[in-house]
Amino acid sequence: MNTTEFRKLMQTIADGWNTKDAKNAADCFSDDAIYIEPPDKQFFRGKDQLYEYFGGEAGFDMKLAWHHLFFDEEKQHGAGEYTFEFNSKIHHGVAIVELENGKIKLWREYDVPGNLSYEEFLETKGKQFKFTIKSLKK
């Protein structure tokens, strides 16, 4: 798979989630795919479980937007920074994927909940950061 095909694959997942088409999204994964949020938040194995997790026949009302996608063609590994909305809650995160034969074999995500827009999430002004150079010197 090349970078253009990878971007199309990842957008197909987003389109499936955004249109309640769980089958379209699940078809981007191998039959024995692993979908995990480490260390112990969520774990799904196989396309059938992912189809149900993505909403099954009825689909779920969720939205996914990719902000940045990166792909290593040689290793067939990629990553994407996203904003995800489900049940009126917004999450921002990163998904790292490993491909095999043009399908996602492993998806692991690192997710931060918080009802902020992407721009607000990244903004530094007006925030009280827990760790700064001042906190290290205490």
Protein backbone atom coordinates (compact mmCIF):
# COMPACT_ATOMS: atom_id res chain seq x y z
CA MET A 1 0.00 0.00 0.00
CA ASN A 2 1.26 3.48 -0.77
CA THR A 3 0.58 6.75 1.08
CA THR A 4 -2.34 7.74 -1.16
CA GLU A 5 -4.01 4.36 -0.63
CA PHE A 6 -3.41 4.62 3.12
CA ARG A 7 -5.10 8.02 3.25
CA LYS A 8 -8.06 6.58 1.34
CA LEU A 9 -8.29 3.62 3.75
CA MET A 10 -8.28 5.87 6.80
CA GLN A 11 -10.85 8.21 5.22
CA THR A 12 -13.05 5.20 4.45
CA ILE A 13 -13.13 4.44 8.19
CA ALA A 14 -14.05 8.05 8.96
CA ASP A 15 -16.72 8.06 6.25
CA GLY A 16 -18.16 4.80 7.60
CA TRP A 17 -18.37 6.18 11.13
CA ASN A 18 -19.67 9.54 9.96
CA THR A 19 -22.51 7.93 7.96
CA LYS A 20 -23.41 5.10 10.38
CA ASP A 21 -22.00 2.54 7.94
CA ALA A 22 -20.32 0.12 10.36
CA LYS A 23 -19.77 -2.47 7.62
CA ASN A 24 -17.84 -0.06 5.43
CA ALA A 25 -15.59 0.89 8.36
CA ALA A 26 -15.14 -2.70 9.59
CA ASP A 27 -14.21 -3.87 6.08
CA CYS A 28 -11.01 -1.80 6.40
CA PHE A 29 -9.78 -4.29 9.02
CA SER A 30 -8.45 -7.83 8.60
CA ASP A 31 -10.63 -10.71 9.78
CA ASP A 32 -8.40 -11.18 12.84
CA ALA A 33 -7.58 -7.51 13.52
CA ILE A 34 -6.84 -6.27 17.02
CA TYR A 35 -8.24 -2.89 18.12
CA ILE A 36 -6.87 -1.76 21.46
CA GLU A 37 -6.61 1.26 23.71
CA PRO A 38 -3.78 0.46 26.09
CA PRO A 39 -3.10 -0.21 28.76
CA ASP A 40 -6.53 -1.66 29.58
CA LYS A 41 -9.32 0.61 28.37
CA GLN A 42 -10.68 -1.32 25.37
CA PHE A 43 -9.92 -4.45 23.38
CA PHE A 44 -11.70 -5.93 20.36
CA ARG A 45 -10.57 -8.86 18.22
CA GLY A 46 -11.70 -9.51 14.68
CA LYS A 47 -13.81 -7.78 12.08
CA ASP A 48 -17.07 -9.17 13.54
CA GLN A 49 -16.45 -7.58 16.95
CA LEU A 50 -15.43 -4.32 15.28
CA TYR A 51 -18.60 -4.27 13.21
CA GLU A 52 -20.62 -4.43 16.45
CA TYR A 53 -18.34 -1.90 18.18
CA PHE A 54 -18.84 0.48 15.25
CA GLY A 55 -22.62 0.25 15.65
CA GLY A 56 -23.65 -2.86 13.76
CA GLU A 57 -26.59 -2.71 11.41
CA ALA A 58 -28.10 0.45 12.91
CA GLY A 59 -24.78 2.28 13.22
CA PHE A 60 -23.92 4.82 15.88
CA ASP A 61 -24.15 8.58 15.65
CA MET A 62 -20.45 9.37 15.77
CA LYS A 63 -18.05 11.61 13.92
CA LEU A 64 -14.37 11.22 13.14
CA ALA A 65 -12.12 13.83 11.56
CA TRP A 66 -8.48 13.19 10.71
CA HIS A 67 -6.18 16.19 11.21
CA HIS A 68 -2.88 14.59 10.18
CA LEU A 69 -2.06 11.22 8.66
CA PHE A 70 1.43 9.71 8.43
CA PHE A 71 2.49 6.52 6.66
CA ASP A 72 5.68 4.45 6.39
CA GLU A 73 5.29 2.56 3.12
CA GLU A 74 8.22 0.24 3.80
CA LYS A 75 6.96 -0.97 7.19
CA GLN A 76 3.25 -0.60 6.34
CA HIS A 77 2.68 1.32 9.58
CA GLY A 78 0.76 4.55 9.87
CA ALA A 79 -0.69 7.01 12.32
CA GLY A 80 -3.33 9.67 12.44
CA GLU A 81 -4.25 12.49 14.78
CA TYR A 82 -8.01 12.76 15.14
CA THR A 83 -11.02 14.36 16.75
CA PHE A 84 -13.83 11.95 17.58
CA GLU A 85 -17.35 12.76 18.78
CA PHE A 86 -19.75 10.25 20.33
CA ASN A 87 -22.67 10.72 22.73
CA SER A 88 -22.08 14.49 22.72
CA LYS A 89 -18.54 13.98 24.00
CA ILE A 90 -15.46 15.07 22.11
CA HIS A 91 -12.15 13.20 22.21
CA HIS A 92 -8.79 14.00 20.64
CA GLY A 93 -6.15 11.40 20.06
CA VAL A 94 -3.77 9.43 17.95
CA ALA A 95 -4.34 6.06 16.30
CA ILE A 96 -1.37 3.94 15.25
CA VAL A 97 -2.05 1.19 12.75
CA GLU A 98 -0.17 -1.74 11.28
CA LEU A 99 -1.30 -3.06 7.91
CA GLU A 100 -1.19 -6.44 6.28
CA ASN A 101 -2.40 -7.10 2.73
CA GLY A 102 -4.03 -3.68 2.51
CA LYS A 103 -6.09 -4.09 5.70
CA ILE A 104 -5.57 -2.91 9.27
CA LYS A 105 -4.16 -5.76 11.34
CA LEU A 106 -3.52 -3.73 14.51
CA TRP A 107 -5.08 -0.45 15.65
CA ARG A 108 -4.01 1.11 18.91
CA GLU A 109 -5.23 4.48 20.03
CA TYR A 110 -4.36 6.97 22.70
CA ASP A 111 -7.38 9.10 23.49
CA VAL A 112 -7.95 12.24 25.59
CA PRO A 113 -11.56 13.14 26.43
CA GLY A 114 -12.54 16.76 26.77
CA ASN A 115 -15.28 18.78 25.18
CA LEU A 116 -13.02 21.20 23.37
CA SER A 117 -12.73 21.92 19.68
CA TYR A 118 -9.46 20.84 18.07
CA GLU A 119 -8.24 24.45 18.13
CA GLU A 120 -9.17 24.90 21.81
CA PHE A 121 -7.56 21.57 22.66
CA LEU A 122 -4.22 22.74 21.20
CA GLU A 123 -4.39 26.33 22.51
CA THR A 124 -1.77 27.20 25.15
CA LYS A 125 -3.04 30.62 26.26
CA GLY A 126 -5.15 30.76 29.41
CA LYS A 127 -4.45 27.19 30.51
CA GLN A 128 -3.02 26.02 33.80
CA PHE A 129 -0.59 23.29 32.78
CA LYS A 130 0.29 20.70 35.42
CA PHE A 131 3.88 20.37 34.26
CA THR A 132 6.02 23.33 33.22
CA ILE A 133 9.58 24.38 33.86
CA LYS A 134 8.37 26.14 37.03
CA SER A 135 6.79 22.95 38.41
CA LEU A 136 10.01 21.02 37.80
CA LYS A 137 11.98 23.50 39.91
CA LYS A 138 9.78 23.17 43.01
